[in-house]
């Protein structure tokens, strides 16, 4: 076998794999719309006391507006999910969390992916 043919045969799988489409599953952890204000506040408190930087949802933070419990809980629950291994159990929040597959980022407030 010629060295050129051998080189082509060795590189063919690499070139083929390189051109395969990449499929990603981008998902965000969000509160269920049925979560009560008490549950949303409890989720915010839990996330902020367990490693999530909540300065983004504080006055002056890039995710402060809109200033609603639902929006603030959305940001911190997603941040918690991503900072705790992106595993399903880190989005449960006593059955008030769920996954969405459309980026919830809004203006300067960018959600982790």
PDB file of N, CA and C in Angstrom:
ATOM      1  N   UNK A   1       0.852  -1.167   0.000  1.00  0.00           N
ATOM      2  CA  UNK A   1       0.000   0.000   0.000  1.00  0.00           C
ATOM      3  C   UNK A   1       0.898   1.231   0.000  1.00  0.00           C
ATOM      4  N   UNK A   2       0.564   2.194  -0.841  1.00  0.00           N
ATOM      5  CA  UNK A   2       1.393   3.390  -0.922  1.00  0.00           C
ATOM      6  C   UNK A   2       1.212   4.248   0.325  1.00  0.00           C
ATOM      7  N   UNK A   3       2.208   5.049   0.603  1.00  0.00           N
ATOM      8  CA  UNK A   3       2.130   5.903   1.801  1.00  0.00           C
ATOM      9  C   UNK A   3       1.042   6.970   1.654  1.00  0.00           C
ATOM     10  N   UNK A   4       0.791   7.434   0.433  1.00  0.00           N
ATOM     11  CA  UNK A   4      -0.268   8.428   0.225  1.00  0.00           C
ATOM     12  C   UNK A   4      -1.643   7.830   0.505  1.00  0.00           C
ATOM     13  N   UNK A   5      -1.867   6.604   0.032  1.00  0.00           N
ATOM     14  CA  UNK A   5      -3.138   5.937   0.267  1.00  0.00           C
ATOM     15  C   UNK A   5      -3.316   5.654   1.756  1.00  0.00           C
ATOM     16  N   UNK A   6      -2.255   5.247   2.411  1.00  0.00           N
ATOM     17  CA  UNK A   6      -2.310   4.991   3.842  1.00  0.00           C
ATOM     18  C   UNK A   6      -2.647   6.265   4.606  1.00  0.00           C
ATOM     19  N   UNK A   7      -2.066   7.382   4.217  1.00  0.00           N
ATOM     20  CA  UNK A   7      -2.346   8.669   4.853  1.00  0.00           C
ATOM     21  C   UNK A   7      -3.813   9.041   4.678  1.00  0.00           C
ATOM     22  N   UNK A   8      -4.342   8.867   3.477  1.00  0.00           N
ATOM     23  CA  UNK A   8      -5.751   9.184   3.217  1.00  0.00           C
ATOM     24  C   UNK A   8      -6.650   8.298   4.060  1.00  0.00           C
ATOM     25  N   UNK A   9      -6.358   7.025   4.137  1.00  0.00           N
ATOM     26  CA  UNK A   9      -7.182   6.108   4.921  1.00  0.00           C
ATOM     27  C   UNK A   9      -7.134   6.424   6.409  1.00  0.00           C
ATOM     28  N   UNK A  10      -6.005   6.906   6.884  1.00  0.00           N
ATOM     29  CA  UNK A  10      -5.887   7.264   8.294  1.00  0.00           C
ATOM     30  C   UNK A  10      -6.597   8.572   8.612  1.00  0.00           C
ATOM     31  N   UNK A  11      -6.583   9.514   7.678  1.00  0.00           N
ATOM     32  CA  UNK A  11      -7.189  10.816   7.914  1.00  0.00           C
ATOM     33  C   UNK A  11      -8.677  10.864   7.597  1.00  0.00           C
ATOM     34  N   UNK A  12      -9.179   9.945   6.805  1.00  0.00           N
ATOM     35  CA  UNK A  12     -10.577   9.959   6.389  1.00  0.00           C
ATOM     36  C   UNK A  12     -11.542   9.966   7.571  1.00  0.00           C
ATOM     37  N   UNK A  13     -11.368   9.100   8.579  1.00  0.00           N
ATOM     38  CA  UNK A  13     -12.307   9.164   9.714  1.00  0.00           C
ATOM     39  C   UNK A  13     -12.268  10.508  10.441  1.00  0.00           C
ATOM     40  N   UNK A  14     -11.118  11.109  10.553  1.00  0.00           N
ATOM     41  CA  UNK A  14     -11.000  12.401  11.235  1.00  0.00           C
ATOM     42  C   UNK A  14     -11.729  13.481  10.449  1.00  0.00           C
ATOM     43  N   UNK A  15     -11.535  13.513   9.144  1.00  0.00           N
ATOM     44  CA  UNK A  15     -12.189  14.507   8.298  1.00  0.00           C
ATOM     45  C   UNK A  15     -13.700  14.282   8.314  1.00  0.00           C
ATOM     46  N   UNK A  16     -14.131  13.034   8.242  1.00  0.00           N
ATOM     47  CA  UNK A  16     -15.556  12.720   8.239  1.00  0.00           C
ATOM     48  C   UNK A  16     -16.201  13.147   9.552  1.00  0.00           C
ATOM     49  N   UNK A  17     -15.576  12.807  10.661  1.00  0.00           N
ATOM     50  CA  UNK A  17     -16.119  13.171  11.970  1.00  0.00           C
ATOM     51  C   UNK A  17     -16.148  14.683  12.125  1.00  0.00           C
ATOM     52  N   UNK A  18     -15.133  15.362  11.652  1.00  0.00           N
ATOM     53  CA  UNK A  18     -15.063  16.816  11.777  1.00  0.00           C
ATOM     54  C   UNK A  18     -16.239  17.503  11.092  1.00  0.00           C
ATOM     55  N   UNK A  19     -16.774  16.898  10.051  1.00  0.00           N
ATOM     56  CA  UNK A  19     -17.845  17.541   9.297  1.00  0.00           C
ATOM     57  C   UNK A  19     -19.243  17.076   9.683  1.00  0.00           C
ATOM     58  N   UNK A  20     -19.351  16.264  10.722  1.00  0.00           N
ATOM     59  CA  UNK A  20     -20.672  15.873  11.191  1.00  0.00           C
ATOM     60  C   UNK A  20     -21.315  17.048  11.919  1.00  0.00           C
ATOM     61  N   UNK A  21     -22.623  17.214  11.794  1.00  0.00           N
ATOM     62  CA  UNK A  21     -23.272  18.309  12.529  1.00  0.00           C
ATOM     63  C   UNK A  21     -23.192  18.053  14.033  1.00  0.00           C
ATOM     64  N   UNK A  22     -23.019  19.107  14.768  1.00  0.00           N
ATOM     65  CA  UNK A  22     -22.958  19.014  16.217  1.00  0.00           C
ATOM     66  C   UNK A  22     -24.344  19.311  16.764  1.00  0.00           C
ATOM     67  N   UNK A  23     -24.855  18.401  17.548  1.00  0.00           N
ATOM     68  CA  UNK A  23     -26.167  18.573  18.150  1.00  0.00           C
ATOM     69  C   UNK A  23     -25.960  18.903  19.622  1.00  0.00           C
ATOM     70  N   UNK A  24     -26.497  20.013  20.052  1.00  0.00           N
ATOM     71  CA  UNK A  24     -26.383  20.375  21.456  1.00  0.00           C
ATOM     72  C   UNK A  24     -27.774  20.472  22.054  1.00  0.00           C
ATOM     73  N   UNK A  25     -27.837  20.242  23.322  1.00  0.00           N
ATOM     74  CA  UNK A  25     -29.112  20.340  24.021  1.00  0.00           C
ATOM     75  C   UNK A  25     -28.980  21.477  25.013  1.00  0.00           C
ATOM     76  N   UNK A  26     -29.336  22.641  24.592  1.00  0.00           N
ATOM     77  CA  UNK A  26     -29.280  23.794  25.480  1.00  0.00           C
ATOM     78  C   UNK A  26     -30.573  23.853  26.254  1.00  0.00           C
ATOM     79  N   UNK A  27     -30.445  23.907  27.558  1.00  0.00           N
ATOM     80  CA  UNK A  27     -31.638  23.997  28.385  1.00  0.00           C
ATOM     81  C   UNK A  27     -31.373  24.883  29.580  1.00  0.00           C
ATOM     82  N   UNK A  28     -32.443  25.462  30.053  1.00  0.00           N
ATOM     83  CA  UNK A  28     -32.393  26.367  31.191  1.00  0.00           C
ATOM     84  C   UNK A  28     -33.384  25.876  32.225  1.00  0.00           C
ATOM     85  N   UNK A  29     -33.057  26.094  33.496  1.00  0.00           N
ATOM     86  CA  UNK A  29     -33.933  25.711  34.597  1.00  0.00           C
ATOM     87  C   UNK A  29     -34.765  26.931  34.990  1.00  0.00           C
ATOM     88  N   UNK A  30     -36.063  26.787  34.948  1.00  0.00           N
ATOM     89  CA  UNK A  30     -36.977  27.885  35.238  1.00  0.00           C
ATOM     90  C   UNK A  30     -38.041  27.427  36.233  1.00  0.00           C
ATOM     91  N   UNK A  31     -38.628  28.374  36.963  1.00  0.00           N
ATOM     92  CA  UNK A  31     -39.738  27.995  37.832  1.00  0.00           C
ATOM     93  C   UNK A  31     -40.988  27.705  37.010  1.00  0.00           C
ATOM     94  N   UNK A  32     -41.773  26.803  37.524  1.00  0.00           N
ATOM     95  CA  UNK A  32     -43.071  26.551  36.890  1.00  0.00           C
ATOM     96  C   UNK A  32     -43.954  27.783  37.055  1.00  0.00           C
ATOM     97  N   UNK A  33     -44.777  28.091  36.077  1.00  0.00           N
ATOM     98  CA  UNK A  33     -45.654  29.259  36.198  1.00  0.00           C
ATOM     99  C   UNK A  33     -46.671  29.120  37.337  1.00  0.00           C
ATOM    100  N   UNK A  34     -46.871  27.902  37.819  1.00  0.00           N
ATOM    101  CA  UNK A  34     -47.821  27.669  38.911  1.00  0.00           C
ATOM    102  C   UNK A  34     -47.187  27.838  40.292  1.00  0.00           C
ATOM    103  N   UNK A  35     -45.883  28.108  40.345  1.00  0.00           N
ATOM    104  CA  UNK A  35     -45.213  28.284  41.644  1.00  0.00           C
ATOM    105  C   UNK A  35     -45.763  29.529  42.339  1.00  0.00           C
ATOM    106  N   UNK A  36     -46.022  29.398  43.622  1.00  0.00           N
ATOM    107  CA  UNK A  36     -46.547  30.537  44.391  1.00  0.00           C
ATOM    108  C   UNK A  36     -45.430  31.530  44.688  1.00  0.00           C
ATOM    109  N   UNK A  37     -45.818  32.737  45.081  1.00  0.00           N
ATOM    110  CA  UNK A  37     -44.827  33.744  45.470  1.00  0.00           C
ATOM    111  C   UNK A  37     -43.962  33.240  46.622  1.00  0.00           C
ATOM    112  N   UNK A  38     -44.556  32.508  47.544  1.00  0.00           N
ATOM    113  CA  UNK A  38     -43.801  31.963  48.681  1.00  0.00           C
ATOM    114  C   UNK A  38     -42.755  30.958  48.201  1.00  0.00           C
ATOM    115  N   UNK A  39     -43.143  30.109  47.250  1.00  0.00           N
ATOM    116  CA  UNK A  39     -42.203  29.129  46.712  1.00  0.00           C
ATOM    117  C   UNK A  39     -41.082  29.817  45.935  1.00  0.00           C
ATOM    118  N   UNK A  40     -41.429  30.832  45.154  1.00  0.00           N
ATOM    119  CA  UNK A  40     -40.418  31.568  44.393  1.00  0.00           C
ATOM    120  C   UNK A  40     -39.416  32.233  45.334  1.00  0.00           C
ATOM    121  N   UNK A  41     -39.923  32.862  46.389  1.00  0.00           N
ATOM    122  CA  UNK A  41     -39.038  33.520  47.349  1.00  0.00           C
ATOM    123  C   UNK A  41     -38.156  32.492  48.059  1.00  0.00           C
ATOM    124  N   UNK A  42     -38.726  31.346  48.397  1.00  0.00           N
ATOM    125  CA  UNK A  42     -37.941  30.287  49.039  1.00  0.00           C
ATOM    126  C   UNK A  42     -36.835  29.801  48.100  1.00  0.00           C
ATOM    127  N   UNK A  43     -37.126  29.692  46.820  1.00  0.00           N
ATOM    128  CA  UNK A  43     -36.110  29.276  45.842  1.00  0.00           C
ATOM    129  C   UNK A  43     -35.005  30.325  45.726  1.00  0.00           C
ATOM    130  N   UNK A  44     -35.387  31.592  45.709  1.00  0.00           N
ATOM    131  CA  UNK A  44     -34.391  32.674  45.656  1.00  0.00           C
ATOM    132  C   UNK A  44     -33.500  32.612  46.889  1.00  0.00           C
ATOM    133  N   UNK A  45     -34.119  32.503  48.051  1.00  0.00           N
ATOM    134  CA  UNK A  45     -33.347  32.455  49.301  1.00  0.00           C
ATOM    135  C   UNK A  45     -32.402  31.258  49.315  1.00  0.00           C
ATOM    136  N   UNK A  46     -32.897  30.111  48.871  1.00  0.00           N
ATOM    137  CA  UNK A  46     -32.079  28.900  48.852  1.00  0.00           C
ATOM    138  C   UNK A  46     -30.880  29.067  47.913  1.00  0.00           C
ATOM    139  N   UNK A  47     -31.139  29.528  46.702  1.00  0.00           N
ATOM    140  CA  UNK A  47     -30.053  29.689  45.721  1.00  0.00           C
ATOM    141  C   UNK A  47     -29.013  30.693  46.206  1.00  0.00           C
ATOM    142  N   UNK A  48     -29.487  31.814  46.727  1.00  0.00           N
ATOM    143  CA  UNK A  48     -28.573  32.873  47.153  1.00  0.00           C
ATOM    144  C   UNK A  48     -27.744  32.458  48.363  1.00  0.00           C
ATOM    145  N   UNK A  49     -28.221  31.497  49.139  1.00  0.00           N
ATOM    146  CA  UNK A  49     -27.444  31.040  50.288  1.00  0.00           C
ATOM    147  C   UNK A  49     -26.655  29.766  49.985  1.00  0.00           C
ATOM    148  N   UNK A  50     -26.710  29.327  48.738  1.00  0.00           N
ATOM    149  CA  UNK A  50     -25.997  28.111  48.346  1.00  0.00           C
ATOM    150  C   UNK A  50     -25.133  28.317  47.106  1.00  0.00           C
ATOM    151  N   UNK A  51     -24.405  29.412  47.098  1.00  0.00           N
ATOM    152  CA  UNK A  51     -23.375  29.590  46.082  1.00  0.00           C
ATOM    153  C   UNK A  51     -23.705  30.434  44.880  1.00  0.00           C
ATOM    154  N   UNK A  52     -24.939  30.870  44.727  1.00  0.00           N
ATOM    155  CA  UNK A  52     -25.287  31.688  43.566  1.00  0.00           C
ATOM    156  C   UNK A  52     -25.019  33.153  43.890  1.00  0.00           C
ATOM    157  N   UNK A  53     -24.347  33.846  42.960  1.00  0.00           N
ATOM    158  CA  UNK A  53     -24.111  35.284  43.102  1.00  0.00           C
ATOM    159  C   UNK A  53     -25.414  36.003  42.745  1.00  0.00           C
ATOM    160  N   UNK A  54     -26.078  36.502  43.751  1.00  0.00           N
ATOM    161  CA  UNK A  54     -27.391  37.131  43.537  1.00  0.00           C
ATOM    162  C   UNK A  54     -27.303  38.637  43.339  1.00  0.00           C
ATOM    163  N   UNK A  55     -26.104  39.157  43.177  1.00  0.00           N
ATOM    164  CA  UNK A  55     -25.968  40.597  42.943  1.00  0.00           C
ATOM    165  C   UNK A  55     -26.618  41.006  41.625  1.00  0.00           C
ATOM    166  N   UNK A  56     -26.744  40.063  40.687  1.00  0.00           N
ATOM    167  CA  UNK A  56     -27.350  40.380  39.392  1.00  0.00           C
ATOM    168  C   UNK A  56     -28.829  40.722  39.509  1.00  0.00           C
ATOM    169  N   UNK A  57     -29.505  40.204  40.552  1.00  0.00           N
ATOM    170  CA  UNK A  57     -30.941  40.483  40.707  1.00  0.00           C
ATOM    171  C   UNK A  57     -31.194  41.547  41.774  1.00  0.00           C
ATOM    172  N   UNK A  58     -30.137  42.131  42.295  1.00  0.00           N
ATOM    173  CA  UNK A  58     -30.258  43.214  43.277  1.00  0.00           C
ATOM    174  C   UNK A  58     -30.417  44.539  42.544  1.00  0.00           C
ATOM    175  N   UNK A  59     -30.944  45.578  43.205  1.00  0.00           N
ATOM    176  CA  UNK A  59     -31.058  46.885  42.542  1.00  0.00           C
ATOM    177  C   UNK A  59     -29.710  47.293  41.933  1.00  0.00           C
ATOM    178  N   UNK A  60     -29.756  47.676  40.675  1.00  0.00           N
ATOM    179  CA  UNK A  60     -28.543  48.043  39.951  1.00  0.00           C
ATOM    180  C   UNK A  60     -27.920  46.878  39.201  1.00  0.00           C
ATOM    181  N   UNK A  61     -28.336  45.648  39.499  1.00  0.00           N
ATOM    182  CA  UNK A  61     -27.827  44.470  38.789  1.00  0.00           C
ATOM    183  C   UNK A  61     -28.449  44.356  37.408  1.00  0.00           C
ATOM    184  N   UNK A  62     -27.755  43.681  36.499  1.00  0.00           N
ATOM    185  CA  UNK A  62     -28.239  43.605  35.117  1.00  0.00           C
ATOM    186  C   UNK A  62     -29.512  42.778  34.978  1.00  0.00           C
ATOM    187  N   UNK A  63     -29.852  41.987  35.987  1.00  0.00           N
ATOM    188  CA  UNK A  63     -31.083  41.186  35.926  1.00  0.00           C
ATOM    189  C   UNK A  63     -32.127  41.636  36.945  1.00  0.00           C
ATOM    190  N   UNK A  64     -31.965  42.851  37.469  1.00  0.00           N
ATOM    191  CA  UNK A  64     -32.944  43.356  38.433  1.00  0.00           C
ATOM    192  C   UNK A  64     -34.295  43.627  37.761  1.00  0.00           C
ATOM    193  N   UNK A  65     -34.273  44.161  36.560  1.00  0.00           N
ATOM    194  CA  UNK A  65     -35.510  44.438  35.816  1.00  0.00           C
ATOM    195  C   UNK A  65     -35.781  43.303  34.847  1.00  0.00           C
ATOM    196  N   UNK A  66     -36.985  42.845  34.717  1.00  0.00           N
ATOM    197  CA  UNK A  66     -38.149  43.265  35.464  1.00  0.00           C
ATOM    198  C   UNK A  66     -38.077  42.797  36.917  1.00  0.00           C
ATOM    199  N   UNK A  67     -38.523  43.645  37.792  1.00  0.00           N
ATOM    200  CA  UNK A  67     -38.432  43.409  39.227  1.00  0.00           C
ATOM    201  C   UNK A  67     -39.629  42.594  39.704  1.00  0.00           C
ATOM    202  N   UNK A  68     -39.617  41.296  39.372  1.00  0.00           N
ATOM    203  CA  UNK A  68     -40.681  40.391  39.807  1.00  0.00           C
ATOM    204  C   UNK A  68     -40.046  39.164  40.446  1.00  0.00           C
ATOM    205  N   UNK A  69     -40.772  38.526  41.329  1.00  0.00           N
ATOM    206  CA  UNK A  69     -40.274  37.292  41.939  1.00  0.00           C
ATOM    207  C   UNK A  69     -40.029  36.219  40.880  1.00  0.00           C
ATOM    208  N   UNK A  70     -40.925  36.129  39.912  1.00  0.00           N
ATOM    209  CA  UNK A  70     -40.784  35.123  38.866  1.00  0.00           C
ATOM    210  C   UNK A  70     -39.495  35.330  38.074  1.00  0.00           C
ATOM    211  N   UNK A  71     -39.213  36.560  37.685  1.00  0.00           N
ATOM    212  CA  UNK A  71     -37.993  36.832  36.910  1.00  0.00           C
ATOM    213  C   UNK A  71     -36.739  36.619  37.744  1.00  0.00           C
ATOM    214  N   UNK A  72     -36.756  37.062  38.988  1.00  0.00           N
ATOM    215  CA  UNK A  72     -35.586  36.884  39.852  1.00  0.00           C
ATOM    216  C   UNK A  72     -35.357  35.401  40.151  1.00  0.00           C
ATOM    217  N   UNK A  73     -36.434  34.673  40.430  1.00  0.00           N
ATOM    218  CA  UNK A  73     -36.302  33.237  40.683  1.00  0.00           C
ATOM    219  C   UNK A  73     -35.790  32.519  39.432  1.00  0.00           C
ATOM    220  N   UNK A  74     -36.250  32.930  38.274  1.00  0.00           N
ATOM    221  CA  UNK A  74     -35.792  32.314  37.030  1.00  0.00           C
ATOM    222  C   UNK A  74     -34.283  32.423  36.896  1.00  0.00           C
ATOM    223  N   UNK A  75     -33.767  33.615  37.124  1.00  0.00           N
ATOM    224  CA  UNK A  75     -32.326  33.822  36.959  1.00  0.00           C
ATOM    225  C   UNK A  75     -31.524  32.988  37.955  1.00  0.00           C
ATOM    226  N   UNK A  76     -31.895  33.043  39.241  1.00  0.00           N
ATOM    227  CA  UNK A  76     -31.080  32.355  40.248  1.00  0.00           C
ATOM    228  C   UNK A  76     -31.262  30.843  40.199  1.00  0.00           C
ATOM    229  N   UNK A  77     -32.450  30.364  39.869  1.00  0.00           N
ATOM    230  CA  UNK A  77     -32.641  28.916  39.754  1.00  0.00           C
ATOM    231  C   UNK A  77     -31.800  28.365  38.617  1.00  0.00           C
ATOM    232  N   UNK A  78     -31.750  29.072  37.504  1.00  0.00           N
ATOM    233  CA  UNK A  78     -30.927  28.633  36.386  1.00  0.00           C
ATOM    234  C   UNK A  78     -29.438  28.691  36.760  1.00  0.00           C
ATOM    235  N   UNK A  79     -29.024  29.748  37.442  1.00  0.00           N
ATOM    236  CA  UNK A  79     -27.626  29.859  37.874  1.00  0.00           C
ATOM    237  C   UNK A  79     -27.271  28.717  38.831  1.00  0.00           C
ATOM    238  N   UNK A  80     -28.181  28.387  39.734  1.00  0.00           N
ATOM    239  CA  UNK A  80     -27.955  27.285  40.670  1.00  0.00           C
ATOM    240  C   UNK A  80     -27.811  25.970  39.893  1.00  0.00           C
ATOM    241  N   UNK A  81     -28.703  25.711  38.983  1.00  0.00           N
ATOM    242  CA  UNK A  81     -28.669  24.497  38.158  1.00  0.00           C
ATOM    243  C   UNK A  81     -27.309  24.357  37.460  1.00  0.00           C
ATOM    244  N   UNK A  82     -26.851  25.437  36.862  1.00  0.00           N
ATOM    245  CA  UNK A  82     -25.589  25.377  36.125  1.00  0.00           C
ATOM    246  C   UNK A  82     -24.377  25.278  37.043  1.00  0.00           C
ATOM    247  N   UNK A  83     -24.459  25.849  38.223  1.00  0.00           N
ATOM    248  CA  UNK A  83     -23.311  25.793  39.127  1.00  0.00           C
ATOM    249  C   UNK A  83     -23.295  24.525  39.984  1.00  0.00           C
ATOM    250  N   UNK A  84     -24.322  23.712  39.867  1.00  0.00           N
ATOM    251  CA  UNK A  84     -24.400  22.477  40.648  1.00  0.00           C
ATOM    252  C   UNK A  84     -24.505  21.247  39.739  1.00  0.00           C
ATOM    253  N   UNK A  85     -23.711  21.257  38.703  1.00  0.00           N
ATOM    254  CA  UNK A  85     -23.539  20.071  37.874  1.00  0.00           C
ATOM    255  C   UNK A  85     -24.499  19.861  36.736  1.00  0.00           C
ATOM    256  N   UNK A  86     -25.439  20.776  36.534  1.00  0.00           N
ATOM    257  CA  UNK A  86     -26.395  20.657  35.433  1.00  0.00           C
ATOM    258  C   UNK A  86     -27.059  19.277  35.411  1.00  0.00           C
ATOM    259  N   UNK A  87     -27.422  18.809  36.585  1.00  0.00           N
ATOM    260  CA  UNK A  87     -28.119  17.536  36.693  1.00  0.00           C
ATOM    261  C   UNK A  87     -29.574  17.805  37.051  1.00  0.00           C
ATOM    262  N   UNK A  88     -30.425  16.888  36.683  1.00  0.00           N
ATOM    263  CA  UNK A  88     -31.859  17.098  36.853  1.00  0.00           C
ATOM    264  C   UNK A  88     -32.235  17.451  38.290  1.00  0.00           C
ATOM    265  N   UNK A  89     -31.621  16.800  39.246  1.00  0.00           N
ATOM    266  CA  UNK A  89     -32.001  17.065  40.640  1.00  0.00           C
ATOM    267  C   UNK A  89     -31.682  18.492  41.085  1.00  0.00           C
ATOM    268  N   UNK A  90     -30.754  19.167  40.404  1.00  0.00           N
ATOM    269  CA  UNK A  90     -30.453  20.549  40.789  1.00  0.00           C
ATOM    270  C   UNK A  90     -31.432  21.551  40.177  1.00  0.00           C
ATOM    271  N   UNK A  91     -32.488  21.040  39.544  1.00  0.00           N
ATOM    272  CA  UNK A  91     -33.556  21.904  39.026  1.00  0.00           C
ATOM    273  C   UNK A  91     -34.918  21.492  39.577  1.00  0.00           C
ATOM    274  N   UNK A  92     -34.941  20.706  40.595  1.00  0.00           N
ATOM    275  CA  UNK A  92     -36.238  20.247  41.129  1.00  0.00           C
ATOM    276  C   UNK A  92     -36.923  21.315  41.962  1.00  0.00           C
ATOM    277  N   UNK A  93     -36.215  21.866  42.930  1.00  0.00           N
ATOM    278  CA  UNK A  93     -36.764  22.913  43.795  1.00  0.00           C
ATOM    279  C   UNK A  93     -38.144  22.543  44.338  1.00  0.00           C
ATOM    280  N   UNK A  94     -38.195  21.402  44.980  1.00  0.00           N
ATOM    281  CA  UNK A  94     -39.465  20.913  45.553  1.00  0.00           C
ATOM    282  C   UNK A  94     -40.597  20.911  44.531  1.00  0.00           C
ATOM    283  N   UNK A  95     -40.272  20.436  43.371  1.00  0.00           N
ATOM    284  CA  UNK A  95     -41.235  20.315  42.264  1.00  0.00           C
ATOM    285  C   UNK A  95     -41.754  21.650  41.737  1.00  0.00           C
ATOM    286  N   UNK A  96     -40.957  22.700  41.856  1.00  0.00           N
ATOM    287  CA  UNK A  96     -41.356  23.992  41.281  1.00  0.00           C
ATOM    288  C   UNK A  96     -40.456  24.397  40.118  1.00  0.00           C
ATOM    289  N   UNK A  97     -39.475  23.562  39.769  1.00  0.00           N
ATOM    290  CA  UNK A  97     -38.577  23.867  38.659  1.00  0.00           C
ATOM    291  C   UNK A  97     -38.848  22.971  37.470  1.00  0.00           C
ATOM    292  N   UNK A  98     -38.563  23.483  36.296  1.00  0.00           N
ATOM    293  CA  UNK A  98     -38.699  22.694  35.071  1.00  0.00           C
ATOM    294  C   UNK A  98     -37.710  23.230  34.047  1.00  0.00           C
ATOM    295  N   UNK A  99     -37.539  22.493  32.978  1.00  0.00           N
ATOM    296  CA  UNK A  99     -36.612  22.898  31.933  1.00  0.00           C
ATOM    297  C   UNK A  99     -37.343  23.574  30.780  1.00  0.00           C
ATOM    298  N   UNK A 100     -36.686  24.580  30.224  1.00  0.00           N
ATOM    299  CA  UNK A 100     -37.154  25.205  28.990  1.00  0.00           C
ATOM    300  C   UNK A 100     -36.015  25.116  27.991  1.00  0.00           C
ATOM    301  N   UNK A 101     -36.343  25.201  26.727  1.00  0.00           N
ATOM    302  CA  UNK A 101     -35.351  25.027  25.676  1.00  0.00           C
ATOM    303  C   UNK A 101     -35.242  26.251  24.775  1.00  0.00           C
ATOM    304  N   UNK A 102     -35.814  27.358  25.239  1.00  0.00           N
ATOM    305  CA  UNK A 102     -35.707  28.644  24.559  1.00  0.00           C
ATOM    306  C   UNK A 102     -34.993  29.581  25.525  1.00  0.00           C
ATOM    307  N   UNK A 103     -33.967  30.242  25.034  1.00  0.00           N
ATOM    308  CA  UNK A 103     -33.133  31.109  25.866  1.00  0.00           C
ATOM    309  C   UNK A 103     -33.968  32.213  26.519  1.00  0.00           C
ATOM    310  N   UNK A 104     -34.012  32.242  27.853  1.00  0.00           N
ATOM    311  CA  UNK A 104     -34.796  33.272  28.544  1.00  0.00           C
ATOM    312  C   UNK A 104     -34.045  34.591  28.750  1.00  0.00           C
ATOM    313  N   UNK A 105     -32.814  34.674  28.255  1.00  0.00           N
ATOM    314  CA  UNK A 105     -32.041  35.915  28.414  1.00  0.00           C
ATOM    315  C   UNK A 105     -32.828  37.095  27.890  1.00  0.00           C
ATOM    316  N   UNK A 106     -32.630  38.253  28.536  1.00  0.00           N
ATOM    317  CA  UNK A 106     -33.410  39.433  28.189  1.00  0.00           C
ATOM    318  C   UNK A 106     -32.490  40.654  28.265  1.00  0.00           C
ATOM    319  N   UNK A 107     -32.215  41.259  27.121  1.00  0.00           N
ATOM    320  CA  UNK A 107     -31.333  42.435  27.105  1.00  0.00           C
ATOM    321  C   UNK A 107     -29.984  42.111  27.707  1.00  0.00           C
ATOM    322  N   UNK A 108     -29.555  42.916  28.698  1.00  0.00           N
ATOM    323  CA  UNK A 108     -28.231  42.671  29.293  1.00  0.00           C
ATOM    324  C   UNK A 108     -28.215  41.499  30.281  1.00  0.00           C
ATOM    325  N   UNK A 109     -29.380  40.956  30.596  1.00  0.00           N
ATOM    326  CA  UNK A 109     -29.473  39.831  31.544  1.00  0.00           C
ATOM    327  C   UNK A 109     -29.302  38.528  30.762  1.00  0.00           C
ATOM    328  N   UNK A 110     -28.100  37.975  30.836  1.00  0.00           N
ATOM    329  CA  UNK A 110     -27.764  36.756  30.082  1.00  0.00           C
ATOM    330  C   UNK A 110     -27.801  35.555  31.029  1.00  0.00           C
ATOM    331  N   UNK A 111     -28.595  34.579  30.689  1.00  0.00           N
ATOM    332  CA  UNK A 111     -28.717  33.354  31.474  1.00  0.00           C
ATOM    333  C   UNK A 111     -27.616  32.374  31.068  1.00  0.00           C
ATOM    334  N   UNK A 112     -27.060  31.663  32.040  1.00  0.00           N
ATOM    335  CA  UNK A 112     -26.068  30.620  31.763  1.00  0.00           C
ATOM    336  C   UNK A 112     -26.672  29.561  30.880  1.00  0.00           C
ATOM    337  N   UNK A 113     -25.841  28.995  30.010  1.00  0.00           N
ATOM    338  CA  UNK A 113     -26.283  27.866  29.180  1.00  0.00           C
ATOM    339  C   UNK A 113     -25.390  26.681  29.419  1.00  0.00           C
TER     340      UNK A 113
END
